[in-house]
């Protein structure tokens, strides 16, 4: 049993490193799906079958597939995106460390001694609900805020008004045109003559 745990843990870490290190974004999403599968196997080995199924259904079935569609649909200029990488690397590294410290502080300050809290006579769903909505409430709300920021970022990426070659619909111009439709009376089996 420990062999399988360490095997899938190492696979999960390696695939997570591949998510941020590969150049192709489609391959990064596929490695992300592989990371989710490995983490679901780890949850099964730990005896948390409900969380494992939620990881498979929610993260792989919805989130990762959505990421894959977004990556394939967006036409991002990756060469221009990578040009400012070195310039902004120190600021982004500092922000990542600060963000990691804040999240670890929130989770550590709200985490009780789990072995004293869990009632092993109840099922997994009730035990998870009791812990999630009482002791881990701040971490749960923090994850909701992170998802909200991700949604706003995805919307901001798709709204590109100044991109050349993109045809947009002008509703006001369409509504103010009076000569866009011409009614023509035709004879039976004669057709319409265009001028």
N, C-alpha and C. Protein backbone atom coordinates (compact mmCIF):
# COMPACT_ATOMS: atom_id res chain seq x y z
N UNK A 1 0.81 -1.21 0.00
CA UNK A 1 0.00 0.00 0.00
C UNK A 1 0.85 1.27 0.00
N UNK A 2 1.89 1.41 0.81
CA UNK A 2 2.71 2.63 0.74
C UNK A 2 3.40 2.79 -0.62
N UNK A 3 3.72 1.68 -1.28
CA UNK A 3 4.36 1.77 -2.58
C UNK A 3 3.46 2.49 -3.58
N UNK A 4 2.17 2.10 -3.62
CA UNK A 4 1.24 2.73 -4.56
C UNK A 4 1.03 4.20 -4.21
N UNK A 5 0.97 4.51 -2.91
CA UNK A 5 0.79 5.91 -2.51
C UNK A 5 1.97 6.76 -3.01
N UNK A 6 3.19 6.31 -2.75
CA UNK A 6 4.35 7.08 -3.18
C UNK A 6 4.48 7.11 -4.70
N UNK A 7 4.09 6.03 -5.36
CA UNK A 7 4.15 5.99 -6.82
C UNK A 7 3.23 7.05 -7.43
N UNK A 8 1.96 7.08 -6.98
CA UNK A 8 1.02 8.06 -7.54
C UNK A 8 1.31 9.47 -7.04
N UNK A 9 1.90 9.61 -5.86
CA UNK A 9 2.29 10.94 -5.39
C UNK A 9 3.41 11.51 -6.25
N UNK A 10 4.40 10.68 -6.58
CA UNK A 10 5.50 11.14 -7.43
C UNK A 10 4.98 11.45 -8.84
N UNK A 11 4.07 10.60 -9.36
CA UNK A 11 3.47 10.89 -10.67
C UNK A 11 2.69 12.20 -10.65
N UNK A 12 1.99 12.45 -9.55
CA UNK A 12 1.22 13.70 -9.44
C UNK A 12 2.13 14.91 -9.41
N UNK A 13 3.23 14.83 -8.68
CA UNK A 13 4.17 15.95 -8.61
C UNK A 13 4.83 16.18 -9.97
N UNK A 14 5.24 15.11 -10.63
CA UNK A 14 5.88 15.25 -11.94
C UNK A 14 4.93 15.84 -12.98
N UNK A 15 3.67 15.38 -12.96
CA UNK A 15 2.71 15.92 -13.93
C UNK A 15 2.36 17.37 -13.61
N UNK A 16 2.36 17.75 -12.32
CA UNK A 16 2.11 19.14 -11.96
C UNK A 16 3.26 20.04 -12.42
N UNK A 17 4.48 19.53 -12.34
CA UNK A 17 5.63 20.29 -12.84
C UNK A 17 5.54 20.42 -14.36
N UNK A 18 5.08 19.38 -15.03
CA UNK A 18 4.93 19.44 -16.48
C UNK A 18 3.86 20.43 -16.90
N UNK A 19 2.83 20.64 -16.06
CA UNK A 19 1.77 21.61 -16.38
C UNK A 19 2.36 23.00 -16.57
N UNK A 20 3.30 23.37 -15.70
CA UNK A 20 3.84 24.74 -15.78
C UNK A 20 5.11 24.83 -16.61
N UNK A 21 5.64 23.70 -17.06
CA UNK A 21 6.91 23.77 -17.78
C UNK A 21 6.80 23.51 -19.29
N UNK A 22 5.73 22.86 -19.74
CA UNK A 22 5.63 22.60 -21.18
C UNK A 22 5.24 23.88 -21.91
N UNK A 23 5.63 23.97 -23.18
CA UNK A 23 5.38 25.18 -23.96
C UNK A 23 4.00 25.19 -24.61
N UNK A 24 3.51 24.04 -24.99
CA UNK A 24 2.21 23.96 -25.66
C UNK A 24 1.10 23.99 -24.62
N UNK A 25 0.15 24.94 -24.70
CA UNK A 25 -0.90 25.01 -23.68
C UNK A 25 -1.86 23.83 -23.71
N UNK A 26 -2.04 23.21 -24.87
CA UNK A 26 -2.91 22.02 -24.93
C UNK A 26 -2.26 20.87 -24.16
N UNK A 27 -0.95 20.72 -24.31
CA UNK A 27 -0.25 19.68 -23.55
C UNK A 27 -0.30 19.99 -22.05
N UNK A 28 -0.25 21.27 -21.69
CA UNK A 28 -0.34 21.65 -20.28
C UNK A 28 -1.69 21.25 -19.69
N UNK A 29 -2.77 21.45 -20.44
CA UNK A 29 -4.09 21.04 -19.94
C UNK A 29 -4.18 19.52 -19.84
N UNK A 30 -3.58 18.80 -20.78
CA UNK A 30 -3.60 17.34 -20.70
C UNK A 30 -2.79 16.84 -19.49
N UNK A 31 -1.68 17.49 -19.20
CA UNK A 31 -0.94 17.14 -17.98
C UNK A 31 -1.74 17.50 -16.73
N UNK A 32 -2.54 18.58 -16.80
CA UNK A 32 -3.40 18.94 -15.67
C UNK A 32 -4.45 17.86 -15.43
N UNK A 33 -5.01 17.32 -16.49
CA UNK A 33 -5.97 16.22 -16.36
C UNK A 33 -5.29 15.00 -15.74
N UNK A 34 -4.06 14.72 -16.16
CA UNK A 34 -3.31 13.60 -15.59
C UNK A 34 -3.02 13.83 -14.11
N UNK A 35 -2.76 15.07 -13.72
CA UNK A 35 -2.55 15.40 -12.30
C UNK A 35 -3.83 15.15 -11.50
N UNK A 36 -4.98 15.54 -12.06
CA UNK A 36 -6.25 15.30 -11.37
C UNK A 36 -6.53 13.80 -11.21
N UNK A 37 -6.20 13.02 -12.22
CA UNK A 37 -6.41 11.57 -12.12
C UNK A 37 -5.53 10.99 -11.02
N UNK A 38 -4.27 11.41 -10.96
CA UNK A 38 -3.37 10.92 -9.91
C UNK A 38 -3.84 11.33 -8.52
N UNK A 39 -4.34 12.56 -8.39
CA UNK A 39 -4.84 12.98 -7.08
C UNK A 39 -6.11 12.23 -6.70
N UNK A 40 -6.94 11.87 -7.67
CA UNK A 40 -8.13 11.06 -7.37
C UNK A 40 -7.73 9.67 -6.88
N UNK A 41 -6.69 9.10 -7.50
CA UNK A 41 -6.19 7.79 -7.03
C UNK A 41 -5.64 7.90 -5.62
N UNK A 42 -4.97 9.01 -5.31
CA UNK A 42 -4.46 9.21 -3.95
C UNK A 42 -5.60 9.30 -2.94
N UNK A 43 -6.68 9.99 -3.31
CA UNK A 43 -7.83 10.07 -2.41
C UNK A 43 -8.47 8.70 -2.20
N UNK A 44 -8.50 7.89 -3.24
CA UNK A 44 -9.05 6.54 -3.09
C UNK A 44 -8.17 5.72 -2.15
N UNK A 45 -6.86 5.85 -2.29
CA UNK A 45 -5.96 5.11 -1.40
C UNK A 45 -6.08 5.58 0.04
N UNK A 46 -6.45 6.85 0.26
CA UNK A 46 -6.63 7.36 1.61
C UNK A 46 -8.00 7.04 2.19
N UNK A 47 -8.89 6.48 1.39
CA UNK A 47 -10.21 6.10 1.88
C UNK A 47 -11.26 7.19 1.72
N UNK A 48 -10.98 8.22 0.96
CA UNK A 48 -11.93 9.31 0.73
C UNK A 48 -12.49 9.16 -0.68
N UNK A 49 -13.38 8.20 -0.85
CA UNK A 49 -13.91 7.89 -2.17
C UNK A 49 -14.77 9.01 -2.73
N UNK A 50 -15.50 9.70 -1.84
CA UNK A 50 -16.38 10.78 -2.29
C UNK A 50 -15.56 11.92 -2.90
N UNK A 51 -14.48 12.30 -2.25
CA UNK A 51 -13.63 13.37 -2.78
C UNK A 51 -13.00 12.93 -4.10
N UNK A 52 -12.61 11.67 -4.20
CA UNK A 52 -12.01 11.18 -5.44
C UNK A 52 -13.00 11.27 -6.59
N UNK A 53 -14.25 10.90 -6.35
CA UNK A 53 -15.25 10.98 -7.42
C UNK A 53 -15.58 12.44 -7.76
N UNK A 54 -15.56 13.32 -6.76
CA UNK A 54 -15.79 14.73 -7.04
C UNK A 54 -14.65 15.33 -7.86
N UNK A 55 -13.42 14.90 -7.59
CA UNK A 55 -12.28 15.37 -8.40
C UNK A 55 -12.45 14.90 -9.84
N UNK A 56 -12.86 13.66 -10.02
CA UNK A 56 -13.05 13.14 -11.38
C UNK A 56 -14.19 13.84 -12.10
N UNK A 57 -15.31 14.01 -11.42
CA UNK A 57 -16.48 14.58 -12.08
C UNK A 57 -16.33 16.08 -12.29
N UNK A 58 -15.97 16.81 -11.22
CA UNK A 58 -15.96 18.27 -11.31
C UNK A 58 -14.72 18.77 -12.04
N UNK A 59 -13.55 18.33 -11.61
CA UNK A 59 -12.34 18.93 -12.16
C UNK A 59 -12.00 18.39 -13.55
N UNK A 60 -12.09 17.09 -13.72
CA UNK A 60 -11.77 16.55 -15.04
C UNK A 60 -12.95 16.73 -15.98
N UNK A 61 -14.15 16.43 -15.50
CA UNK A 61 -15.31 16.48 -16.37
C UNK A 61 -15.75 17.86 -16.75
N UNK A 62 -15.48 18.86 -15.93
CA UNK A 62 -15.95 20.21 -16.23
C UNK A 62 -14.81 21.20 -16.40
N UNK A 63 -14.00 21.35 -15.37
CA UNK A 63 -13.01 22.42 -15.38
C UNK A 63 -11.92 22.18 -16.41
N UNK A 64 -11.35 20.99 -16.43
CA UNK A 64 -10.25 20.72 -17.37
C UNK A 64 -10.73 20.73 -18.82
N UNK A 65 -11.94 20.23 -19.06
CA UNK A 65 -12.48 20.26 -20.42
C UNK A 65 -12.76 21.70 -20.83
N UNK A 66 -13.24 22.52 -19.88
CA UNK A 66 -13.45 23.94 -20.17
C UNK A 66 -12.13 24.63 -20.48
N UNK A 67 -11.09 24.33 -19.70
CA UNK A 67 -9.76 24.90 -19.99
C UNK A 67 -9.29 24.49 -21.38
N UNK A 68 -9.52 23.24 -21.73
CA UNK A 68 -9.09 22.75 -23.04
C UNK A 68 -9.81 23.49 -24.15
N UNK A 69 -11.12 23.70 -24.02
CA UNK A 69 -11.87 24.44 -25.02
C UNK A 69 -11.41 25.89 -25.10
N UNK A 70 -11.17 26.53 -23.96
CA UNK A 70 -10.74 27.92 -23.95
C UNK A 70 -9.37 28.06 -24.60
N UNK A 71 -8.46 27.14 -24.29
CA UNK A 71 -7.12 27.21 -24.88
C UNK A 71 -7.18 27.01 -26.38
N UNK A 72 -8.04 26.11 -26.83
CA UNK A 72 -8.13 25.86 -28.27
C UNK A 72 -8.87 26.98 -29.00
N UNK A 73 -9.80 27.66 -28.34
CA UNK A 73 -10.57 28.69 -29.02
C UNK A 73 -9.88 30.04 -29.03
N UNK A 74 -9.10 30.36 -28.00
CA UNK A 74 -8.44 31.66 -27.95
C UNK A 74 -7.25 31.66 -28.90
N UNK A 75 -7.11 32.75 -29.60
CA UNK A 75 -5.98 32.91 -30.50
C UNK A 75 -4.98 33.85 -29.83
N UNK A 76 -4.16 33.29 -28.96
CA UNK A 76 -3.22 34.08 -28.18
C UNK A 76 -1.87 34.08 -28.88
N UNK A 77 -1.26 35.25 -28.96
CA UNK A 77 0.07 35.37 -29.55
C UNK A 77 1.08 35.03 -28.45
N UNK A 78 1.53 33.78 -28.44
CA UNK A 78 2.40 33.31 -27.36
C UNK A 78 3.80 33.89 -27.44
N UNK A 79 4.23 34.27 -28.62
CA UNK A 79 5.56 34.86 -28.75
C UNK A 79 5.57 36.24 -28.09
N UNK A 80 4.54 37.04 -28.34
CA UNK A 80 4.45 38.35 -27.71
C UNK A 80 4.22 38.23 -26.21
N UNK A 81 3.51 37.18 -25.80
CA UNK A 81 3.23 36.97 -24.39
C UNK A 81 4.49 36.62 -23.61
N UNK A 82 5.41 35.90 -24.25
CA UNK A 82 6.63 35.49 -23.57
C UNK A 82 7.70 36.57 -23.56
N UNK A 83 7.53 37.63 -24.33
CA UNK A 83 8.55 38.66 -24.40
C UNK A 83 8.74 39.39 -23.08
N UNK A 84 7.70 39.61 -22.32
CA UNK A 84 7.82 40.31 -21.05
C UNK A 84 8.00 39.40 -19.86
N UNK A 85 8.35 38.14 -20.11
CA UNK A 85 8.45 37.17 -19.01
C UNK A 85 9.58 37.52 -18.06
N UNK A 86 10.75 37.82 -18.59
CA UNK A 86 11.91 38.10 -17.74
C UNK A 86 11.72 39.41 -16.99
N UNK A 87 11.09 40.38 -17.65
CA UNK A 87 10.89 41.69 -17.03
C UNK A 87 9.96 41.60 -15.81
N UNK A 88 8.94 40.76 -15.88
CA UNK A 88 7.95 40.67 -14.81
C UNK A 88 8.17 39.45 -13.90
N UNK A 89 9.26 38.74 -14.07
CA UNK A 89 9.45 37.51 -13.31
C UNK A 89 9.62 37.77 -11.82
N UNK A 90 10.40 38.76 -11.44
CA UNK A 90 10.65 39.00 -10.01
C UNK A 90 9.37 39.43 -9.30
N UNK A 91 8.60 40.32 -9.93
CA UNK A 91 7.35 40.76 -9.31
C UNK A 91 6.36 39.60 -9.18
N UNK A 92 6.27 38.78 -10.22
CA UNK A 92 5.34 37.64 -10.15
C UNK A 92 5.80 36.60 -9.14
N UNK A 93 7.10 36.40 -9.01
CA UNK A 93 7.60 35.46 -8.01
C UNK A 93 7.31 35.96 -6.60
N UNK A 94 7.49 37.25 -6.36
CA UNK A 94 7.18 37.83 -5.04
C UNK A 94 5.69 37.70 -4.74
N UNK A 95 4.85 38.00 -5.73
CA UNK A 95 3.40 37.88 -5.53
C UNK A 95 2.98 36.44 -5.27
N UNK A 96 3.62 35.48 -5.96
CA UNK A 96 3.31 34.07 -5.73
C UNK A 96 3.68 33.65 -4.31
N UNK A 97 4.83 34.09 -3.83
CA UNK A 97 5.25 33.74 -2.47
C UNK A 97 4.31 34.36 -1.44
N UNK A 98 3.95 35.63 -1.64
CA UNK A 98 3.02 36.29 -0.71
C UNK A 98 1.66 35.60 -0.73
N UNK A 99 1.18 35.27 -1.91
CA UNK A 99 -0.11 34.60 -2.02
C UNK A 99 -0.07 33.22 -1.36
N UNK A 100 1.02 32.47 -1.56
CA UNK A 100 1.17 31.17 -0.92
C UNK A 100 1.21 31.30 0.60
N UNK A 101 1.90 32.31 1.12
CA UNK A 101 1.95 32.51 2.57
C UNK A 101 0.59 32.89 3.14
N UNK A 102 -0.17 33.70 2.41
CA UNK A 102 -1.51 34.08 2.88
C UNK A 102 -2.42 32.87 2.91
N UNK A 103 -2.40 32.06 1.84
CA UNK A 103 -3.26 30.88 1.81
C UNK A 103 -2.86 29.89 2.90
N UNK A 104 -1.56 29.67 3.09
CA UNK A 104 -1.12 28.72 4.12
C UNK A 104 -1.48 29.25 5.51
N UNK A 105 -1.41 30.57 5.72
CA UNK A 105 -1.80 31.13 7.01
C UNK A 105 -3.29 30.95 7.27
N UNK A 106 -4.11 31.19 6.24
CA UNK A 106 -5.56 31.04 6.42
C UNK A 106 -5.92 29.59 6.69
N UNK A 107 -5.33 28.67 5.95
CA UNK A 107 -5.64 27.26 6.15
C UNK A 107 -5.11 26.78 7.49
N UNK A 108 -3.90 27.22 7.87
CA UNK A 108 -3.31 26.79 9.14
C UNK A 108 -4.07 27.36 10.34
N UNK A 109 -4.52 28.61 10.22
CA UNK A 109 -5.24 29.21 11.35
C UNK A 109 -6.64 28.65 11.51
N UNK A 110 -7.23 28.16 10.42
CA UNK A 110 -8.59 27.62 10.51
C UNK A 110 -8.61 26.11 10.64
N UNK A 111 -7.44 25.46 10.63
CA UNK A 111 -7.41 23.99 10.66
C UNK A 111 -7.39 23.49 12.10
N UNK A 112 -8.39 22.70 12.49
CA UNK A 112 -8.36 22.09 13.81
C UNK A 112 -7.58 20.77 13.78
N UNK A 113 -7.52 20.13 14.90
CA UNK A 113 -6.93 18.79 14.95
C UNK A 113 -7.97 17.83 14.37
N UNK A 114 -7.74 17.39 13.14
CA UNK A 114 -8.77 16.65 12.39
C UNK A 114 -9.06 15.30 13.04
N UNK A 115 -8.08 14.69 13.64
CA UNK A 115 -8.31 13.37 14.23
C UNK A 115 -9.28 13.44 15.41
N UNK A 116 -9.37 14.59 16.08
CA UNK A 116 -10.32 14.72 17.18
C UNK A 116 -11.71 15.10 16.70
N UNK A 117 -11.83 15.64 15.49
CA UNK A 117 -13.11 16.15 15.01
C UNK A 117 -13.91 15.09 14.26
N UNK A 118 -13.24 14.25 13.48
CA UNK A 118 -13.95 13.32 12.61
C UNK A 118 -14.63 12.23 13.42
N UNK A 119 -15.92 12.06 13.14
CA UNK A 119 -16.69 10.97 13.73
C UNK A 119 -16.71 9.85 12.71
N UNK A 120 -16.07 8.74 13.04
CA UNK A 120 -15.92 7.66 12.07
C UNK A 120 -17.18 6.83 11.91
N UNK A 121 -18.22 7.12 12.67
CA UNK A 121 -19.48 6.40 12.53
C UNK A 121 -20.37 7.00 11.46
N UNK A 122 -20.05 8.20 10.98
CA UNK A 122 -20.85 8.83 9.94
C UNK A 122 -20.25 8.53 8.57
N UNK A 123 -21.02 8.84 7.54
CA UNK A 123 -20.51 8.61 6.18
C UNK A 123 -19.59 9.75 5.74
N UNK A 124 -18.94 9.57 4.59
CA UNK A 124 -17.97 10.54 4.10
C UNK A 124 -18.59 11.90 3.82
N UNK A 125 -19.78 11.91 3.24
CA UNK A 125 -20.40 13.17 2.82
C UNK A 125 -20.72 14.04 4.03
N UNK A 126 -21.26 13.44 5.08
CA UNK A 126 -21.61 14.21 6.28
C UNK A 126 -20.35 14.72 6.98
N UNK A 127 -19.33 13.89 7.06
CA UNK A 127 -18.09 14.32 7.71
C UNK A 127 -17.42 15.45 6.93
N UNK A 128 -17.43 15.36 5.60
CA UNK A 128 -16.85 16.42 4.78
C UNK A 128 -17.66 17.71 4.92
N UNK A 129 -18.97 17.60 4.91
CA UNK A 129 -19.82 18.79 5.06
C UNK A 129 -19.61 19.47 6.40
N UNK A 130 -19.51 18.68 7.47
CA UNK A 130 -19.27 19.27 8.80
C UNK A 130 -17.94 20.01 8.87
N UNK A 131 -16.90 19.41 8.32
CA UNK A 131 -15.59 20.07 8.35
C UNK A 131 -15.52 21.26 7.40
N UNK A 132 -16.10 21.10 6.22
CA UNK A 132 -15.98 22.14 5.19
C UNK A 132 -16.71 23.42 5.57
N UNK A 133 -17.90 23.29 6.16
CA UNK A 133 -18.71 24.47 6.44
C UNK A 133 -18.57 24.97 7.87
N UNK A 134 -17.71 24.36 8.66
CA UNK A 134 -17.47 24.87 10.02
C UNK A 134 -16.02 25.30 10.17
N UNK A 135 -15.11 24.35 10.21
CA UNK A 135 -13.72 24.66 10.52
C UNK A 135 -12.93 25.19 9.33
N UNK A 136 -13.26 24.75 8.13
CA UNK A 136 -12.54 25.18 6.93
C UNK A 136 -13.34 26.18 6.12
N UNK A 137 -14.17 26.96 6.80
CA UNK A 137 -15.05 27.90 6.10
C UNK A 137 -14.25 28.97 5.37
N UNK A 138 -13.20 29.51 5.98
CA UNK A 138 -12.41 30.56 5.34
C UNK A 138 -11.68 30.04 4.10
N UNK A 139 -11.13 28.85 4.20
CA UNK A 139 -10.45 28.27 3.03
C UNK A 139 -11.46 27.98 1.91
N UNK A 140 -12.67 27.58 2.28
CA UNK A 140 -13.71 27.31 1.28
C UNK A 140 -14.11 28.59 0.56
N UNK A 141 -14.27 29.68 1.30
CA UNK A 141 -14.61 30.96 0.69
C UNK A 141 -13.45 31.51 -0.13
N UNK A 142 -12.23 31.27 0.32
CA UNK A 142 -11.06 31.70 -0.44
C UNK A 142 -10.98 30.99 -1.79
N UNK A 143 -11.32 29.71 -1.81
CA UNK A 143 -11.33 28.99 -3.10
C UNK A 143 -12.43 29.52 -4.00
N UNK A 144 -13.55 29.94 -3.44
CA UNK A 144 -14.61 30.56 -4.24
C UNK A 144 -14.17 31.88 -4.85
N UNK A 145 -13.41 32.67 -4.08
CA UNK A 145 -12.88 33.93 -4.60
C UNK A 145 -11.88 33.67 -5.72
N UNK A 146 -11.05 32.63 -5.56
CA UNK A 146 -10.10 32.27 -6.62
C UNK A 146 -10.82 31.89 -7.91
N UNK A 147 -11.91 31.13 -7.79
CA UNK A 147 -12.67 30.76 -8.98
C UNK A 147 -13.32 31.98 -9.63
N UNK A 148 -13.78 32.94 -8.81
CA UNK A 148 -14.34 34.16 -9.35
C UNK A 148 -13.30 34.96 -10.12
N UNK A 149 -12.08 35.05 -9.58
CA UNK A 149 -11.00 35.76 -10.27
C UNK A 149 -10.66 35.05 -11.58
N UNK A 150 -10.68 33.71 -11.58
CA UNK A 150 -10.40 32.96 -12.81
C UNK A 150 -11.47 33.21 -13.86
N UNK A 151 -12.72 33.31 -13.46
CA UNK A 151 -13.80 33.58 -14.41
C UNK A 151 -13.65 34.98 -15.00
N UNK A 152 -13.34 35.96 -14.14
CA UNK A 152 -13.16 37.32 -14.63
C UNK A 152 -11.97 37.39 -15.59
N UNK A 153 -10.90 36.66 -15.29
CA UNK A 153 -9.74 36.62 -16.18
C UNK A 153 -10.07 35.99 -17.52
N UNK A 154 -10.86 34.93 -17.51
CA UNK A 154 -11.25 34.29 -18.78
C UNK A 154 -12.12 35.22 -19.62
N UNK A 155 -13.01 35.96 -18.98
CA UNK A 155 -13.85 36.91 -19.71
C UNK A 155 -13.00 38.05 -20.27
N UNK A 156 -12.03 38.51 -19.48
CA UNK A 156 -11.16 39.59 -19.94
C UNK A 156 -10.30 39.15 -21.13
N UNK A 157 -9.92 37.88 -21.16
CA UNK A 157 -9.14 37.39 -22.30
C UNK A 157 -9.97 37.31 -23.58
N UNK A 158 -11.24 37.00 -23.45
CA UNK A 158 -12.07 36.86 -24.65
C UNK A 158 -12.57 38.19 -25.19
N UNK A 159 -12.61 39.23 -24.36
CA UNK A 159 -13.08 40.54 -24.81
C UNK A 159 -11.91 41.33 -25.37
N UNK A 160 -11.67 41.18 -26.64
CA UNK A 160 -10.59 41.90 -27.31
C UNK A 160 -11.20 42.79 -28.37
N UNK A 161 -11.47 44.05 -28.00
CA UNK A 161 -12.13 44.97 -28.92
C UNK A 161 -11.17 45.52 -29.98
N UNK A 162 -9.91 45.67 -29.67
CA UNK A 162 -8.97 46.33 -30.56
C UNK A 162 -8.23 45.36 -31.47
N UNK A 163 -8.66 44.13 -31.53
CA UNK A 163 -7.98 43.15 -32.37
C UNK A 163 -8.38 43.36 -33.82
N UNK A 164 -7.40 43.35 -34.73
CA UNK A 164 -7.67 43.59 -36.14
C UNK A 164 -8.22 42.32 -36.80
N UNK A 165 -9.11 42.53 -37.75
CA UNK A 165 -9.66 41.42 -38.50
C UNK A 165 -10.84 40.74 -37.85
N UNK A 166 -11.31 41.24 -36.71
CA UNK A 166 -12.46 40.64 -36.03
C UNK A 166 -13.69 41.44 -36.38
N UNK A 167 -14.70 40.79 -36.93
CA UNK A 167 -15.93 41.46 -37.29
C UNK A 167 -16.87 41.45 -36.09
N UNK A 168 -17.36 42.63 -35.74
CA UNK A 168 -18.28 42.77 -34.61
C UNK A 168 -19.63 43.23 -35.12
N UNK A 169 -20.66 42.88 -34.40
CA UNK A 169 -22.01 43.27 -34.76
C UNK A 169 -22.32 44.63 -34.13
N UNK A 170 -22.80 45.56 -34.95
CA UNK A 170 -23.22 46.87 -34.47
C UNK A 170 -24.74 46.89 -34.49
N UNK A 171 -25.35 46.70 -33.34
CA UNK A 171 -26.80 46.56 -33.26
C UNK A 171 -27.50 47.87 -33.60
N UNK A 172 -26.95 48.99 -33.14
CA UNK A 172 -27.58 50.29 -33.40
C UNK A 172 -27.61 50.59 -34.90
N UNK A 173 -26.55 50.27 -35.60
CA UNK A 173 -26.50 50.50 -37.05
C UNK A 173 -27.51 49.61 -37.77
N UNK A 174 -27.67 48.39 -37.29
CA UNK A 174 -28.63 47.48 -37.92
C UNK A 174 -30.07 47.93 -37.69
N UNK A 175 -30.34 48.45 -36.52
CA UNK A 175 -31.71 48.88 -36.22
C UNK A 175 -32.09 50.17 -36.93
N UNK A 176 -31.12 51.04 -37.20
CA UNK A 176 -31.44 52.32 -37.84
C UNK A 176 -31.53 52.21 -39.36
N UNK A 177 -31.10 51.13 -39.96
CA UNK A 177 -31.20 50.97 -41.40
C UNK A 177 -32.64 50.66 -41.79
N UNK A 178 -33.16 51.43 -42.72
CA UNK A 178 -34.54 51.19 -43.15
C UNK A 178 -34.60 50.44 -44.47
N UNK A 179 -33.52 50.47 -45.24
CA UNK A 179 -33.56 49.87 -46.57
C UNK A 179 -32.87 48.51 -46.61
N UNK A 180 -32.82 47.82 -45.52
CA UNK A 180 -32.12 46.53 -45.53
C UNK A 180 -33.00 45.42 -46.08
N UNK A 181 -34.32 45.59 -46.03
CA UNK A 181 -35.24 44.58 -46.54
C UNK A 181 -36.11 45.22 -47.61
N UNK A 182 -36.21 44.55 -48.75
CA UNK A 182 -37.05 45.04 -49.84
C UNK A 182 -38.10 43.99 -50.15
N UNK A 183 -39.35 44.41 -50.09
CA UNK A 183 -40.45 43.50 -50.41
C UNK A 183 -40.70 43.52 -51.91
N UNK A 184 -40.72 42.36 -52.52
CA UNK A 184 -40.89 42.23 -53.96
C UNK A 184 -42.08 41.33 -54.23
N UNK A 185 -42.97 41.80 -55.12
CA UNK A 185 -44.11 40.99 -55.51
C UNK A 185 -43.74 40.29 -56.80
N UNK A 186 -43.80 38.98 -56.83
CA UNK A 186 -43.40 38.22 -58.03
C UNK A 186 -44.58 37.43 -58.56
N UNK A 187 -44.49 37.12 -59.85
CA UNK A 187 -45.49 36.26 -60.45
C UNK A 187 -45.10 34.81 -60.19
N UNK A 188 -46.09 33.94 -60.25
CA UNK A 188 -45.87 32.53 -59.97
C UNK A 188 -44.95 31.93 -61.00
N UNK A 189 -43.90 31.24 -60.56
CA UNK A 189 -42.89 30.53 -61.37
C UNK A 189 -42.10 31.47 -62.28
N UNK A 190 -42.01 32.75 -61.95
CA UNK A 190 -41.24 33.69 -62.77
C UNK A 190 -39.92 34.07 -62.09
N UNK A 191 -39.88 34.07 -60.77
CA UNK A 191 -38.65 34.43 -60.08
C UNK A 191 -38.52 35.93 -59.92
N UNK A 192 -37.35 36.35 -59.45
CA UNK A 192 -37.08 37.75 -59.16
C UNK A 192 -35.91 38.20 -60.01
N UNK A 193 -36.01 39.38 -60.60
CA UNK A 193 -34.90 39.96 -61.35
C UNK A 193 -34.16 40.95 -60.45
N UNK A 194 -32.87 40.72 -60.32
CA UNK A 194 -32.04 41.60 -59.48
C UNK A 194 -31.44 42.68 -60.36
N UNK A 195 -31.45 43.90 -59.88
CA UNK A 195 -30.91 45.02 -60.64
C UNK A 195 -29.63 45.51 -59.97
